[in-house]
Protein backbone atom coordinates (compact mmCIF):
# COMPACT_ATOMS: atom_id res chain seq x y z
CA MET A 1 0.00 0.00 0.00
CA SER A 2 1.32 3.48 -0.84
CA LEU A 3 1.74 6.08 1.88
CA PHE A 4 -1.54 7.67 0.86
CA ARG A 5 -4.68 6.04 -0.34
CA SER A 6 -5.78 8.96 -2.43
CA ILE A 7 -9.13 10.56 -1.85
CA VAL A 8 -9.14 12.88 -4.84
CA LEU A 9 -12.31 14.85 -4.88
CA SER A 10 -12.01 17.09 -7.92
CA ALA A 11 -15.18 15.69 -9.39
CA THR A 12 -18.44 16.45 -11.08
CA ILE A 13 -21.47 15.67 -8.92
CA MET A 14 -25.06 15.46 -10.10
CA SER A 15 -26.70 14.08 -6.99
CA SER A 16 -30.09 15.72 -7.37
CA GLY A 17 -30.13 16.06 -11.12
CA SER A 18 -28.88 19.64 -11.50
CA THR A 19 -26.12 20.47 -9.01
CA VAL A 20 -22.64 20.51 -10.51
CA PHE A 21 -19.55 21.61 -8.66
CA ALA A 22 -15.80 21.20 -8.48
CA ALA A 23 -14.52 20.12 -5.09
CA GLY A 24 -11.14 20.44 -3.44
CA THR A 25 -8.86 17.52 -2.67
CA ILE A 26 -8.15 15.91 0.67
CA GLU A 27 -5.98 12.84 1.31
CA PHE A 28 -5.53 11.24 4.74
CA SER A 29 -2.64 8.92 5.45
CA PRO A 30 -4.21 5.51 6.14
CA VAL A 31 -4.39 3.78 9.51
CA ALA A 32 -4.08 0.01 9.54
CA ALA A 33 -6.60 -2.18 11.33
CA PRO A 34 -4.78 -3.18 14.53
CA THR A 35 -3.56 -6.77 14.85
CA GLU A 36 -1.42 -6.61 18.00
CA ASP A 37 -2.69 -6.23 21.57
CA ALA A 38 -0.80 -3.00 22.20
CA ALA A 39 -2.33 -1.30 19.15
CA LYS A 40 -5.80 -2.44 20.21
CA ARG A 41 -5.52 -0.51 23.48
CA ILE A 42 -4.90 2.99 22.10
CA VAL A 43 -6.44 5.65 19.92
CA THR A 44 -4.69 5.73 16.56
CA VAL A 45 -5.25 8.41 13.91
CA SER A 46 -3.84 9.48 10.56
CA GLN A 47 -0.50 11.21 10.97
CA THR A 48 -0.76 13.51 7.96
CA VAL A 49 -3.31 14.96 5.59
CA LYS A 50 -2.90 16.59 2.18
CA ILE A 51 -5.30 19.44 1.54
CA ASP A 52 -5.30 20.72 -2.05
CA GLY A 53 -1.82 19.21 -2.40
CA ALA A 54 -0.27 20.76 0.73
CA GLU A 55 0.72 18.29 3.46
CA HIS A 56 -0.03 18.93 7.14
CA ALA A 57 0.73 16.98 10.28
CA ILE A 58 -2.30 16.04 12.39
CA THR A 59 -2.67 14.22 15.70
CA TRP A 60 -5.22 12.94 18.18
CA ASN A 61 -5.83 15.44 20.96
CA THR A 62 -7.69 14.73 24.19
CA ILE A 63 -9.75 17.61 25.58
CA ALA A 64 -11.16 15.75 28.58
CA ARG A 65 -11.54 12.28 30.13
CA SER A 66 -14.55 11.21 32.15
CA GLY A 67 -13.82 11.66 35.85
CA GLN A 68 -11.22 14.36 35.19
CA LYS A 69 -11.21 17.36 37.53
CA ILE A 70 -11.39 20.49 35.41
CA GLY A 71 -11.49 23.73 37.35
CA ASP A 72 -14.04 23.19 40.12
CA GLY A 73 -15.98 20.46 38.30
CA VAL A 74 -15.58 16.72 37.72
CA PHE A 75 -16.33 15.90 34.11
CA GLY A 76 -19.05 13.25 33.78
CA SER A 77 -20.15 13.18 37.43
CA VAL A 78 -23.80 12.12 37.59
CA VAL A 79 -26.09 14.17 39.83
CA ASN A 80 -29.71 13.99 40.96
CA ALA A 81 -32.50 16.56 40.58
CA SER A 82 -31.18 18.60 43.51
CA GLY A 83 -27.65 18.67 42.08
CA SER A 84 -26.15 16.23 44.60
CA ALA A 85 -23.91 13.39 43.54
CA ILE A 86 -25.40 9.98 42.79
CA TYR A 87 -23.30 7.13 44.19
CA ASP A 88 -22.34 3.89 42.47
CA LYS A 89 -22.54 0.39 43.92
CA ASN A 90 -19.13 0.89 45.57
CA GLY A 91 -20.29 3.97 47.44
CA LYS A 92 -18.30 6.36 45.26
CA PRO A 93 -19.69 9.30 43.25
CA ALA A 94 -20.93 7.86 39.96
CA ILE A 95 -18.94 8.87 36.87
CA SER A 96 -20.28 8.12 33.41
CA ASP A 97 -17.87 6.69 30.82
CA ALA A 98 -20.55 7.11 28.12
CA ALA A 99 -19.57 10.54 26.79
CA ASP A 100 -21.23 11.04 23.43
CA PHE A 101 -21.97 14.04 21.24
CA THR A 102 -19.74 17.01 22.01
CA SER A 103 -20.30 20.39 20.41
CA ILE A 104 -17.97 23.36 20.03
CA LEU A 105 -19.75 26.70 20.35
CA PRO A 106 -17.88 29.97 19.71
CA ILE A 107 -19.87 32.57 21.65
CA GLY A 108 -18.97 36.19 22.39
CA GLY A 109 -15.23 35.76 21.96
CA LYS A 110 -15.17 32.58 24.07
CA LEU A 111 -15.19 28.90 23.18
CA PHE A 112 -17.64 26.60 24.92
CA SER A 113 -18.20 22.89 24.56
CA VAL A 114 -21.29 20.90 25.55
CA THR A 115 -20.94 17.15 26.12
CA HIS A 116 -23.79 14.82 26.90
CA PHE A 117 -23.39 11.37 28.42
CA GLU A 118 -25.50 8.46 27.17
CA ALA A 119 -26.88 7.16 30.45
CA ARG A 120 -29.92 7.03 32.75
CA PRO A 121 -29.99 9.38 34.55
CA ALA A 122 -27.89 11.30 32.08
CA ALA A 123 -25.26 13.95 32.58
CA MET A 124 -24.60 16.94 30.37
CA TYR A 125 -21.60 19.21 30.89
CA LEU A 126 -20.69 22.71 29.78
CA SER A 127 -16.95 23.27 29.47
CA GLU A 128 -15.05 26.40 28.57
CA LEU A 129 -12.15 25.80 26.19
CA ALA A 130 -8.89 27.65 25.62
CA GLN A 131 -7.34 27.77 22.14
CA ASP A 132 -3.60 28.41 21.89
CA LYS A 133 -1.71 30.07 19.04
CA ASP A 134 -1.26 26.70 17.31
CA GLY A 135 -4.95 25.90 17.52
CA ARG A 136 -4.69 23.36 20.35
CA LEU A 137 -7.79 23.14 22.54
CA THR A 138 -7.81 22.51 26.29
CA SER A 139 -10.58 22.55 28.90
CA VAL A 140 -10.27 25.22 31.58
CA SER A 141 -13.56 24.68 33.45
CA THR A 142 -16.58 22.38 33.45
CA ARG A 143 -19.94 22.16 35.20
CA SER A 144 -23.09 20.06 35.11
CA ILE A 145 -26.09 21.48 33.24
CA ASP A 146 -29.33 21.38 35.26
CA PHE A 147 -32.32 19.59 33.67
CA SER A 148 -34.48 19.32 36.79
CA SER A 149 -36.98 21.87 35.43
CA ILE A 150 -37.94 19.45 32.65
CA GLY A 151 -37.77 16.12 34.48
CA GLY A 152 -34.10 15.29 33.97
CA LEU A 153 -32.38 13.86 30.93
CA TRP A 154 -32.74 10.35 29.53
CA ASN A 155 -30.07 8.55 27.49
CA PRO A 156 -28.90 11.31 25.11
CA CYS A 157 -27.10 9.89 22.09
CA ALA A 158 -25.94 11.83 19.03
CA GLY A 159 -26.51 15.49 18.32
CA SER A 160 -25.81 18.46 16.10
CA VAL A 161 -25.08 22.18 16.23
CA THR A 162 -27.95 24.30 14.96
CA PRO A 163 -27.41 27.06 12.37
CA TRP A 164 -28.07 29.51 15.24
CA ASN A 165 -25.21 27.98 17.27
CA SER A 166 -27.00 25.99 19.97
CA HIS A 167 -26.36 22.40 21.07
CA LEU A 168 -29.14 20.11 19.81
CA GLY A 169 -29.06 16.81 21.69
CA SER A 170 -31.41 13.85 21.92
CA GLU A 171 -33.10 11.27 24.13
CA GLU A 172 -32.87 7.71 22.86
CA TYR A 173 -34.96 4.61 23.67
CA PRO A 174 -37.74 6.32 25.64
CA PRO A 175 -39.67 4.12 28.09
CA ASP A 176 -42.87 2.44 26.91
CA ALA A 177 -45.60 4.47 28.59
CA ARG A 178 -48.25 1.82 28.04
CA SER A 179 -46.30 -0.72 30.09
CA VAL A 180 -45.59 1.84 32.84
CA GLU A 181 -49.28 2.59 33.17
CA ALA A 182 -50.13 -1.13 33.39
CA ALA A 183 -47.32 -2.01 35.84
CA VAL A 184 -48.42 -3.36 39.24
CA THR A 185 -44.99 -4.22 40.68
CA TYR A 186 -41.43 -3.18 39.94
CA ALA A 187 -40.97 -6.54 38.21
CA ASP A 188 -43.33 -5.27 35.50
CA LEU A 189 -40.93 -2.48 34.58
CA ASP A 190 -37.74 -2.59 32.56
CA LYS A 191 -34.66 -2.08 34.74
CA GLU A 192 -33.68 0.91 32.56
CA MET A 193 -36.69 2.78 33.91
CA LEU A 194 -35.68 2.05 37.50
CA GLU A 195 -32.28 3.61 36.89
CA MET A 196 -34.02 6.99 36.89
CA ALA A 197 -35.32 6.44 40.44
CA GLU A 198 -32.14 7.79 42.00
CA TYR A 199 -32.52 11.03 40.07
CA PHE A 200 -35.79 11.66 41.89
CA GLY A 201 -34.57 10.30 45.23
CA VAL A 202 -36.88 7.27 45.17
CA ASN A 203 -35.47 4.15 46.83
CA THR A 204 -37.09 1.31 44.88
CA ALA A 205 -36.01 -1.19 47.55
CA LEU A 206 -38.29 0.52 50.07
CA ALA A 207 -40.76 2.78 48.29
CA PRO A 208 -43.98 1.36 46.81
CA ILE A 209 -44.29 1.40 43.03
CA ALA A 210 -46.88 4.18 43.33
CA ALA A 211 -44.14 6.49 44.64
CA PHE A 212 -41.94 5.71 41.66
CA LYS A 213 -44.77 6.20 39.15
CA ALA A 214 -45.65 9.53 40.75
CA ALA A 215 -42.08 10.77 40.24
CA PHE A 216 -41.29 9.09 36.92
CA GLN A 217 -43.46 10.17 33.98
CA PRO A 218 -42.42 8.26 30.84
CA TYR A 219 -43.82 10.83 28.43
CA LYS A 220 -41.20 13.35 29.56
CA TYR A 221 -38.46 11.47 27.69
CA GLY A 222 -37.73 10.89 24.01
CA PHE A 223 -37.33 14.36 22.49
CA PRO A 224 -34.75 16.56 20.80
CA VAL A 225 -33.06 18.59 23.55
CA GLU A 226 -31.74 22.09 22.90
CA VAL A 227 -29.15 23.87 25.06
CA THR A 228 -28.47 27.55 24.48
CA VAL A 229 -25.30 29.06 25.95
CA SER A 230 -24.73 32.77 26.67
CA ASP A 231 -21.39 34.57 26.47
CA LYS A 232 -21.32 34.45 30.28
CA GLY A 233 -21.58 30.67 30.28
CA GLU A 234 -25.23 30.59 31.33
CA THR A 235 -27.35 27.79 29.91
CA ALA A 236 -31.03 27.47 29.01
CA VAL A 237 -32.49 24.02 28.33
CA ALA A 238 -35.59 22.90 26.42
CA LYS A 239 -37.15 19.69 25.16
CA HIS A 240 -38.93 20.23 21.87
CA TYR A 241 -42.15 18.28 22.31
CA ALA A 242 -43.47 19.62 19.00
CA MET A 243 -40.82 17.55 17.16
CA GLY A 244 -42.24 14.25 18.39
CA ARG A 245 -41.26 11.54 20.84
CA VAL A 246 -39.17 8.67 19.43
CA ALA A 247 -35.78 7.10 20.12
CA VAL A 248 -34.10 10.26 18.90
CA GLU A 249 -30.61 9.57 17.56
CA LEU A 250 -30.30 13.18 16.43
CA ALA A 251 -32.08 15.99 14.61
CA THR A 252 -30.31 17.74 11.75
CA ILE A 253 -31.42 21.26 10.79
CA MET A 254 -31.38 22.28 7.13
CA PRO A 255 -30.05 25.66 5.91
CA ASP A 256 -33.59 27.07 5.79
CA LYS A 257 -33.47 26.99 9.62
CA LYS A 258 -36.94 25.42 9.64
CA THR A 259 -36.67 21.87 8.29
CA ALA A 260 -35.26 19.15 10.56
CA TYR A 261 -34.72 15.45 9.89
CA ILE A 262 -34.99 13.18 12.92
CA SER A 263 -33.48 9.69 12.92
CA ASP A 264 -35.03 7.06 15.17
CA ASP A 265 -32.84 4.34 16.68
CA GLY A 266 -33.96 0.91 17.84
CA LEU A 267 -36.34 -1.78 16.61
CA ASN A 268 -39.10 -1.10 14.06
CA THR A 269 -38.50 2.62 13.93
CA GLY A 270 -39.45 5.48 11.60
CA PHE A 271 -37.86 8.50 9.97
CA TYR A 272 -39.27 11.98 10.49
CA ARG A 273 -39.30 15.48 8.99
CA PHE A 274 -40.25 18.49 11.10
CA VAL A 275 -40.97 21.89 9.55
CA ALA A 276 -40.93 24.73 12.08
CA ASP A 277 -43.34 27.63 11.80
CA VAL A 278 -40.57 30.19 12.31
CA GLU A 279 -36.88 30.13 11.33
CA GLY A 280 -34.60 29.30 14.23
CA ASP A 281 -37.48 28.31 16.51
CA LEU A 282 -38.22 24.62 17.09
CA THR A 283 -41.10 25.14 19.50
CA SER A 284 -43.92 24.67 16.96
CA GLY A 285 -44.43 23.15 13.56
CA GLN A 286 -45.69 20.37 11.31
CA LEU A 287 -44.42 16.80 11.68
CA PHE A 288 -44.20 14.18 8.93
CA ALA A 289 -43.21 10.50 8.87
CA ALA A 290 -41.54 8.77 5.92
CA LYS A 291 -43.18 6.14 3.73
CA TRP A 292 -40.69 3.80 2.02
CA THR A 293 -41.83 2.51 -1.39
CA GLN A 294 -39.11 0.09 -2.40
CA THR A 295 -37.75 0.20 -5.93
CA SER A 296 -34.75 -2.12 -5.54
CA ALA A 297 -33.40 -4.64 -3.03
CA GLU A 298 -29.79 -4.32 -4.24
CA GLY A 299 -27.18 -3.42 -1.61
CA GLY A 300 -28.98 -1.58 1.15
CA GLY A 301 -32.01 -1.08 -1.08
CA ASN A 302 -33.48 1.88 -2.94
CA ALA A 303 -36.88 3.50 -2.48
CA ASP A 304 -39.11 6.41 -3.29
CA ILE A 305 -39.88 8.45 -0.17
CA SER A 306 -43.23 10.10 0.47
CA TRP A 307 -44.38 11.81 3.65
CA VAL A 308 -47.33 11.11 5.94
CA ASP A 309 -48.64 14.24 7.67
CA LEU A 310 -48.82 13.80 11.45
CA GLY A 311 -50.26 17.26 12.06
CA HIS A 312 -49.26 20.46 13.80
CA ALA A 313 -48.35 20.98 17.46
CA ASN A 314 -46.38 23.27 19.73
CA ASP A 315 -44.24 22.74 22.80
CA ALA A 316 -46.61 24.63 25.10
CA GLU A 317 -49.70 22.48 24.50
CA ILE A 318 -47.76 19.24 24.90
CA SER A 319 -46.01 20.56 28.01
CA THR A 320 -49.40 21.34 29.54
CA ALA A 321 -50.55 17.76 28.92
CA LEU A 322 -47.39 16.49 30.64
CA LYS A 323 -48.08 18.68 33.67
CA PHE A 324 -51.50 17.08 33.99
CA GLY A 325 -49.94 13.59 33.84
CA ILE A 326 -51.36 12.43 30.51
CA LYS A 327 -51.36 8.61 30.13
CA PHE A 328 -51.54 6.15 27.25
CA SER A 329 -55.17 5.31 28.04
CA ASP A 330 -56.11 9.00 27.84
CA MET A 331 -55.15 8.98 24.15
CA PHE A 332 -55.94 5.48 22.90
CA ASP A 333 -58.44 2.67 23.01
CA SER A 334 -56.97 -0.74 22.22
CA THR A 335 -58.26 -4.17 21.24
CA LYS A 336 -57.00 -7.50 19.91
CA PHE A 337 -56.43 -8.50 16.30
CA LYS A 338 -59.12 -10.56 14.61
CA ASP A 339 -58.35 -14.14 13.63
CA ASP A 340 -57.51 -13.04 10.09
CA GLY A 341 -54.82 -10.67 11.39
CA SER A 342 -56.78 -7.48 10.76
CA CYS A 343 -58.08 -4.95 13.28
CA PRO A 344 -61.77 -4.57 14.11
CA ASP A 345 -63.65 -1.68 12.48
CA GLY A 346 -62.60 1.69 13.80
CA PHE A 347 -59.16 0.50 14.91
CA MET A 348 -55.88 0.88 13.05
CA SER A 349 -52.87 -1.40 13.19
CA THR A 350 -49.30 -0.59 14.17
CA ASN A 351 -46.05 -2.54 14.24
CA ALA A 352 -44.00 0.21 15.87
CA GLU A 353 -41.19 -1.02 18.13
CA GLY A 354 -42.05 -4.59 17.12
CA ARG A 355 -45.29 -4.43 19.10
CA SER A 356 -48.26 -5.44 16.95
CA GLU A 357 -51.30 -3.55 18.21
CA CYS A 358 -54.81 -2.47 17.20
CA LEU A 359 -55.38 1.08 18.44
CA LYS A 360 -57.88 3.89 18.08
CA VAL A 361 -57.15 7.52 18.92
CA LYS A 362 -59.76 9.02 21.22
CA LYS A 363 -61.64 12.03 19.91
CA GLY A 364 -59.67 15.26 20.21
CA MET A 365 -56.43 13.54 21.22
CA GLU A 366 -54.76 13.45 17.78
CA ALA A 367 -52.18 16.17 18.48
CA PHE A 368 -51.13 14.54 21.76
CA ALA A 369 -50.96 11.08 20.17
CA SER A 370 -48.82 12.44 17.32
CA ARG A 371 -46.24 13.96 19.69
CA LEU A 372 -46.23 11.55 22.64
CA GLU A 373 -46.72 8.27 20.76
CA THR A 374 -45.19 9.44 17.50
CA ARG A 375 -43.99 6.06 16.27
CA ARG A 376 -47.26 4.26 17.01
CA TYR A 377 -49.32 7.09 15.50
CA ALA A 378 -47.16 7.23 12.36
CA SER A 379 -47.51 3.49 11.86
CA MET A 380 -51.30 3.69 12.30
CA LEU A 381 -51.46 6.30 9.52
CA GLY A 382 -49.45 4.16 7.09
CA ALA A 383 -45.89 5.44 7.54
CA THR A 384 -43.03 2.94 7.52
CA THR A 385 -41.94 1.74 10.96
CA GLU A 386 -39.64 -1.12 10.00
CA PHE A 387 -36.17 0.42 10.19
CA ARG A 388 -33.49 -1.05 12.40
CA LYS A 389 -30.80 0.90 14.28
CA MET A 390 -31.19 4.14 12.33
CA GLU A 391 -28.30 6.32 13.39
CA GLY A 392 -26.27 9.30 12.18
CA GLN A 393 -26.96 11.93 9.56
CA ALA A 394 -24.79 14.28 7.51
CA PHE A 395 -25.99 16.97 5.12
CA ASP A 396 -24.29 17.85 1.83
CA ASN A 397 -25.54 21.30 0.84
CA GLU A 398 -23.81 21.37 -2.55
CA GLY A 399 -25.27 18.01 -3.54
CA LYS A 400 -28.64 18.65 -1.80
CA ARG A 401 -28.61 15.25 -0.14
CA LEU A 402 -28.68 13.80 3.33
CA PHE A 403 -26.57 10.78 4.29
CA LEU A 404 -28.19 8.43 6.80
CA SER A 405 -26.62 5.41 8.49
CA MET A 406 -28.30 2.16 9.44
CA THR A 407 -26.11 0.18 11.84
CA GLU A 408 -27.60 -3.08 10.67
CA ILE A 409 -30.21 -4.28 8.18
CA SER A 410 -32.31 -6.82 10.02
CA ASN A 411 -35.66 -7.67 11.63
CA GLY A 412 -38.35 -5.35 10.23
CA MET A 413 -36.15 -4.44 7.26
CA GLU A 414 -36.21 -8.07 6.17
CA ASP A 415 -39.11 -9.64 4.32
CA ASN A 416 -41.68 -11.07 6.72
CA ILE A 417 -39.26 -13.10 8.83
CA LYS A 418 -40.01 -15.08 12.01
CA ASP A 419 -43.60 -15.72 10.94
CA GLY A 420 -44.14 -12.02 10.35
CA LYS A 421 -43.18 -11.03 13.90
CA PHE A 422 -41.87 -7.61 12.84
CA ASP A 423 -44.32 -6.90 10.01
CA LYS A 424 -47.65 -7.80 11.62
CA GLY A 425 -49.58 -4.57 12.01
CA GLY A 426 -47.44 -2.81 9.41
CA ARG A 427 -47.23 -2.91 5.64
CA ASN A 428 -44.00 -4.88 5.11
CA ASP A 429 -42.66 -1.93 3.10
CA VAL A 430 -38.96 -2.81 3.46
CA LYS A 431 -37.93 -6.16 1.97
CA LEU A 432 -34.15 -6.50 2.09
CA ALA A 433 -31.62 -9.24 2.68
CA LYS A 434 -30.16 -9.24 6.18
CA ASN A 435 -26.85 -7.41 6.49
CA PRO A 436 -25.51 -7.33 10.07
CA CYS A 437 -22.71 -5.00 8.93
CA GLY A 438 -25.12 -2.19 8.05
CA ALA A 439 -25.29 0.46 5.35
CA VAL A 440 -25.22 4.18 4.65
CA TYR A 441 -27.95 5.71 2.49
CA GLU A 442 -27.96 8.77 0.25
CA LEU A 443 -31.24 10.71 0.31
CA PRO A 444 -31.66 13.36 -2.40
CA MET A 445 -33.99 16.28 -1.72
CA ASP A 446 -35.77 18.98 -3.68
CA ALA A 447 -35.41 22.76 -3.43
CA SER A 448 -37.66 22.85 -0.35
CA TYR A 449 -35.33 20.42 1.50
CA THR A 450 -37.88 17.62 1.19
CA ILE A 451 -36.32 14.19 0.72
CA THR A 452 -37.76 12.41 -2.31
CA SER A 453 -35.91 9.10 -2.44
CA ALA A 454 -33.37 6.88 -0.71
CA ARG A 455 -30.62 4.87 -2.32
CA SER A 456 -27.93 2.62 -0.98
CA PHE A 457 -24.66 4.55 -0.86
CA ILE A 458 -22.29 2.06 0.75
CA ALA A 459 -22.88 -1.19 2.61
CA GLY A 460 -20.79 -3.37 4.89
CA LYS A 461 -19.78 -6.80 3.67
CA PRO A 462 -20.34 -9.76 6.01
CA THR A 463 -17.09 -11.75 6.13
CA GLU A 464 -16.11 -14.67 8.35
CA TYR A 465 -12.52 -14.62 9.59
CA LYS A 466 -11.92 -18.09 11.00
CA ASP A 467 -8.23 -17.59 11.72
CA GLY A 468 -5.39 -15.12 11.31
CA ALA A 469 -5.02 -11.58 12.62
CA TYR A 470 -8.73 -10.77 12.28
CA ARG A 471 -10.06 -14.02 13.69
CA GLY A 472 -13.63 -13.78 14.97
CA GLN A 473 -14.47 -10.50 13.21
CA THR A 474 -17.55 -10.66 11.02
CA CYS A 475 -17.37 -7.72 8.59
CA ASP A 476 -14.83 -7.06 5.84
CA ILE A 477 -11.86 -5.43 7.54
CA ASP A 478 -11.46 -2.96 4.66
CA GLY A 479 -15.12 -1.89 4.69
CA ILE A 480 -17.58 -0.43 7.14
CA ALA A 481 -18.89 -2.35 10.12
CA ASN A 482 -22.04 -0.97 11.76
CA PRO A 483 -21.89 2.69 10.66
CA ASP A 484 -23.11 5.15 13.26
CA ASN A 485 -22.22 8.83 13.44
CA LEU A 486 -21.57 10.77 10.23
CA THR A 487 -20.26 14.17 9.22
CA PHE A 488 -19.55 15.83 5.89
CA ILE A 489 -16.68 18.08 4.81
CA PRO A 490 -18.24 20.66 2.48
CA GLY A 491 -16.21 21.85 -0.47
CA TYR A 492 -14.29 18.54 -0.44
CA ASN A 493 -17.13 16.07 -1.09
CA THR A 494 -15.94 13.90 1.79
CA LEU A 495 -18.16 11.83 4.07
CA ILE A 496 -16.78 10.79 7.46
CA ILE A 497 -18.22 7.56 8.94
CA GLY A 498 -17.75 6.48 12.54
CA GLU A 499 -18.43 2.87 13.57
CA ASP A 500 -20.31 1.30 16.47
CA SER A 501 -19.38 -2.35 16.20
CA SER A 502 -18.60 -5.19 18.56
CA THR A 503 -18.05 -8.36 16.54
CA GLY A 504 -18.00 -6.74 13.09
CA HIS A 505 -14.71 -5.01 13.82
CA GLN A 506 -13.01 -5.59 17.15
CA ASN A 507 -11.67 -2.03 17.14
CA ASP A 508 -14.10 0.57 15.84
CA ALA A 509 -12.81 2.77 13.05
CA THR A 510 -13.50 6.12 11.43
CA TRP A 511 -13.49 6.27 7.64
CA SER A 512 -12.98 9.08 5.17
CA VAL A 513 -15.04 8.35 2.06
CA ASN A 514 -14.91 10.05 -1.32
CA ALA A 515 -18.62 10.72 -1.81
CA GLU A 516 -18.24 10.44 -5.59
CA THR A 517 -15.95 7.43 -6.11
CA LYS A 518 -16.70 5.85 -2.70
CA ALA A 519 -13.00 5.18 -2.13
CA MET A 520 -12.40 4.67 1.59
CA THR A 521 -9.51 5.45 3.94
CA ARG A 522 -9.43 4.32 7.58
CA ILE A 523 -8.37 7.39 9.60
CA THR A 524 -8.82 6.25 13.21
CA THR A 525 -9.12 3.15 15.35
CA THR A 526 -10.23 3.06 18.99
CA PRO A 527 -9.45 0.81 21.97
CA TYR A 528 -11.13 -2.50 22.75
CA GLY A 529 -14.87 -2.27 23.45
CA ALA A 530 -15.15 1.44 22.62
CA GLU A 531 -17.75 3.08 20.42
CA ASN A 532 -16.52 5.81 18.08
CA THR A 533 -19.03 8.65 18.47
CA SER A 534 -19.55 12.35 17.82
CA VAL A 535 -17.67 12.68 14.55
CA ASP A 536 -18.40 16.30 13.69
CA TRP A 537 -16.57 18.70 11.37
CA TYR A 538 -15.80 22.33 12.27
CA PRO A 539 -14.27 24.05 9.21
CA ASP A 540 -13.13 27.32 10.76
CA ILE A 541 -12.83 28.22 14.43
CA ASN A 542 -10.50 31.20 14.74
CA GLY A 543 -8.39 30.05 11.81
CA TYR A 544 -8.34 26.29 12.53
CA ALA A 545 -10.48 23.32 11.57
CA TYR A 546 -11.28 20.32 13.79
CA LEU A 547 -12.71 16.84 13.36
CA MET A 548 -14.31 16.13 16.72
CA THR A 549 -14.54 12.56 17.94
CA VAL A 550 -15.36 10.83 21.20
CA VAL A 551 -14.17 7.42 22.41
CA GLN A 552 -17.13 6.12 24.40
CA HIS A 553 -16.94 3.42 27.11
CA PRO A 554 -13.56 1.75 26.32
CA TYR A 555 -13.70 -1.93 27.28
CA GLY A 556 -17.42 -1.47 27.89
CA GLU A 557 -19.17 -3.01 24.88
CA SER A 558 -16.92 -6.02 24.30
CA ASP A 559 -13.54 -7.35 25.46
CA GLU A 560 -14.28 -6.31 29.05
CA ASP A 561 -11.89 -9.04 30.19
CA LYS A 562 -8.95 -7.23 28.58
CA LEU A 563 -9.18 -4.21 30.89
CA GLN A 564 -5.99 -4.00 32.98
CA ASN A 565 -6.19 -0.51 34.50
CA PRO A 566 -9.60 0.92 35.53
CA ASP A 567 -8.49 4.36 34.33
CA ASP A 568 -8.31 3.01 30.77
CA ALA A 569 -12.10 2.59 30.78
CA ARG A 570 -12.69 6.33 31.07
CA ALA A 571 -14.20 7.99 27.99
CA TYR A 572 -12.11 10.34 25.85
CA VAL A 573 -13.45 13.58 24.36
CA GLY A 574 -11.13 14.99 21.75
CA TYR A 575 -10.43 15.86 18.14
CA ILE A 576 -8.25 15.12 15.15
CA GLY A 577 -6.22 18.10 13.97
CA PRO A 578 -5.87 20.95 14.20
CA PHE A 579 -6.23 21.52 10.46
CA PRO A 580 -5.79 24.87 8.77
CA ALA A 581 -9.17 26.57 8.39
CA PHE A 582 -11.18 25.18 5.48
CA LYS A 583 -12.34 28.29 3.67
CA LYS A 584 -12.81 26.67 0.25
CA GLN A 585 -16.43 26.45 -0.80
CA ALA A 586 -17.58 24.38 -3.73
CA SER A 587 -18.77 26.54 -6.60
CA ALA A 588 -22.26 25.84 -7.89
CA GLN A 589 -22.75 26.12 -11.64
């Protein structure tokens, strides 16, 4: 292999039928997939990059580790609603090693960073950063952000920075409110729900379940979460109920400052488009759910995309319903399927979350059903709720397309498997061959930023390594394995793909992909058991560019037995770079 696997991006692109532009060139030096134990324990990144022919040295830089004392704060410390520390099973203050999306926010001559931790109860931290003359970033202070006014924070995953420079986070895998309402004992509840008890100060070993249910309201979780930071380091938090309640991976805002695409992680999920009433204001708007009409089963599959209207709502009206303790039974009647698999008259079927149900929305409750049971409601109205592990997004403005990752193609995305377990109640819209290595899709859109189709962009290749250096890994070592977070380098037609794999690749990688030729270069690898999250591109911060990345829960997803020093399991928040500022913009013709 030559020193550089060239990613030459001077190309002509016609992704939506009319956009043509000439891009710059970027070439990362490749990183080999690790084969030795020592290399599997460290973060490895490309050592050099050529930008428009000029070579630059780049490195991995750590901004913070979970548990690190920064100023007066301890980064990643988990606190309860009153701001006091929550203690772990060993009687020590709990520290989360699940750092995930981390934003960089230049505000009023200062640099701030917001990091959320994927846990229950969750932590979110505001840090102030210093930037030296060479562009190096360091943390100078950190503090916990208070979410007690909106019920705390549940399992935030990926995120984005809005065009108005706020941190837009998420809440993934919200609790099933129907099962909470029906629960009689703690044994009827998923243990993930009980993890939130400590946030509210409820001791589930002593308190009756009624005390827990009074404190824990499941409909308060599962929304895009916005954090606004002032130049004084003050924070304001909001959950945008108008955008719908799903397993939010992240919401990506389009350049019109009104349209947002929301990816939905988990089992039998949907894909959503929100159009705000006012630019830069996510508190009210119209919500739509995607309908997949398959046109090809090749690769990850191709489809026409249409949109099912879920109606209009605003944060205030949904917030009021939450204050009054709205329940599943307030919005829906339910009944059993008939022997022929259909629903009785007046009821509509849903296969959302793999739960086959016959439901009917009670009169006047449509807006609440659309925002609090978004996935179920979308499925009832005919939208597609068959996607599996829908993850990251990246927008290409020059090509007018959104990239969307699917960590694996399985379950509802297959054709009526397991006696129709995942398709009963739905329409069996997606009919693809199983691919446990996943795929990335390209979704072209029209001038109004409305996606019109989906096509397979790049897919992982299942591969069995029975022996040798890659023994036990299940995806082609030179291809993607379980793509997760994405980012795009504008002007250079480059897609960055981060992995979340356990058996596919033993050490998760980040890839630089030529979005025209699809040539791939591995540019990072992470330690055993870590997830590679929060890949996000910042083209110009005070004359420097940064590729953010986070190493989440080292030794925590696989290979736990290989941990030798407990400190090695702490999450890393950092970046690749610094790069010179990327001021080149692709020219539209």
